Protein backbone atom coordinates (compact mmCIF):
# COMPACT_ATOMS: atom_id res chain seq x y z
CA MET A 1 92.43 -43.23 100.49
CA ILE A 2 91.48 -40.38 102.80
CA ILE A 3 91.66 -40.22 106.58
CA ILE A 4 89.32 -37.84 108.45
CA ASN A 5 91.05 -37.06 111.73
CA MET A 6 88.77 -36.10 114.51
CA ILE A 7 89.74 -33.77 117.35
CA ASP A 8 89.40 -36.59 119.86
CA GLY A 9 91.97 -38.63 117.96
CA GLU A 10 89.52 -40.97 116.07
CA LYS A 11 90.48 -41.58 112.57
CA ILE A 12 87.88 -42.36 109.91
CA THR A 13 89.01 -44.04 106.76
CA VAL A 14 87.33 -43.06 103.52
CA SER A 15 88.04 -45.38 100.61
CA PRO A 16 86.54 -44.88 97.05
CA ASP A 17 83.45 -46.97 97.80
CA THR A 18 82.81 -45.58 101.33
CA VAL A 19 79.27 -44.14 101.47
CA LEU A 20 79.22 -40.62 102.81
CA VAL A 21 76.01 -39.05 103.96
CA GLY A 22 75.85 -35.23 104.46
CA ILE A 23 73.42 -33.97 107.01
CA ASN A 24 72.20 -30.48 107.93
CA ASN A 25 69.99 -29.01 110.58
CA TYR A 26 66.35 -28.42 109.61
CA SER A 27 63.75 -26.88 111.94
CA SER A 28 60.05 -26.00 111.59
CA ASP A 29 57.27 -25.12 113.78
CA LYS A 30 56.76 -28.86 114.41
CA GLY A 31 60.24 -29.47 115.80
CA PHE A 32 63.93 -29.79 115.24
CA TYR A 33 65.34 -32.33 112.80
CA LEU A 34 68.44 -33.35 110.99
CA LYS A 35 67.97 -33.72 107.21
CA GLN A 36 70.03 -35.88 104.87
CA ASN A 37 71.19 -33.66 101.97
CA TYR A 38 73.72 -35.83 100.20
CA VAL A 39 74.49 -39.58 99.70
CA GLY A 40 77.45 -40.64 97.60
CA ASP A 41 80.89 -42.18 97.30
CA ILE A 42 84.06 -41.18 95.49
CA ASP A 43 83.47 -43.96 92.85
CA GLY A 44 80.20 -42.31 91.79
CA ASN A 45 77.97 -45.23 92.46
CA PHE A 46 75.14 -42.84 93.47
CA ASP A 47 75.64 -40.14 90.85
CA LYS A 48 74.75 -40.63 87.14
CA LYS A 49 77.11 -37.81 86.09
CA GLY A 50 80.03 -38.73 88.33
CA SER A 51 80.61 -38.00 91.96
CA PRO A 52 81.32 -34.50 93.07
CA LEU A 53 83.63 -36.13 95.73
CA ASN A 54 85.95 -37.47 92.95
CA THR A 55 88.41 -34.61 92.46
CA THR A 56 92.08 -34.71 91.19
CA ASP A 57 93.20 -33.93 94.75
CA GLU A 58 90.96 -36.20 96.93
CA ARG A 59 91.35 -33.84 99.87
CA LEU A 60 89.46 -31.20 97.97
CA GLY A 61 86.32 -33.27 97.26
CA ILE A 62 86.15 -34.65 100.83
CA GLY A 63 87.05 -31.26 102.34
CA GLY A 64 84.29 -29.56 100.31
CA PHE A 65 81.85 -32.15 101.38
CA LEU A 66 82.76 -31.70 105.10
CA LEU A 67 82.50 -27.91 104.84
CA SER A 68 79.13 -28.02 103.04
CA HIS A 69 77.43 -30.02 105.84
CA GLN A 70 76.95 -29.61 109.57
CA ALA A 71 77.10 -33.33 110.32
CA PHE A 72 77.88 -36.58 108.35
CA SER A 73 77.82 -40.38 108.75
CA ILE A 74 79.66 -43.12 107.17
CA GLY A 75 77.24 -45.36 105.59
CA GLU A 76 73.28 -45.19 105.59
CA GLY A 77 71.04 -46.44 108.23
CA GLU A 78 69.78 -45.73 111.63
CA ASP A 79 72.70 -47.67 113.22
CA LYS A 80 75.33 -45.43 111.77
CA GLU A 81 77.09 -42.97 113.95
CA ILE A 82 76.47 -39.30 113.24
CA TYR A 83 79.50 -37.06 113.43
CA PHE A 84 79.40 -33.26 113.70
CA THR A 85 81.82 -31.68 111.24
CA SER A 86 82.84 -29.19 113.91
CA ALA A 87 84.73 -32.14 115.47
CA VAL A 88 86.91 -32.58 112.37
CA LYS A 89 90.62 -31.65 112.97
CA SER A 90 92.02 -32.36 109.55
CA ILE A 91 91.96 -34.64 106.47
CA SER A 92 94.96 -36.51 105.07
CA VAL A 93 95.80 -38.80 102.19
CA VAL A 94 97.12 -42.28 102.80
CA ASP A 95 98.36 -44.58 100.03
């Protein structure tokens, strides 16, 4: 299991079936938007070829996910909080 440690002290637990949504900024002449770029979990329930989050060292998959997006949410839906990746302090492994 992975813990995403935020700079404000919040700890976000990521288990193998936790849905991670990667979000990036998107703008056009019509306005400013956030665009969902990735949805998946470590177990690979969203990826036919296996999850890119599922790496030998779990920190690498989650770290790569965080560095590849400007924001993220835990789970899908309009009620899910959006975190900016710039607020992540560290990630750690918990047994």
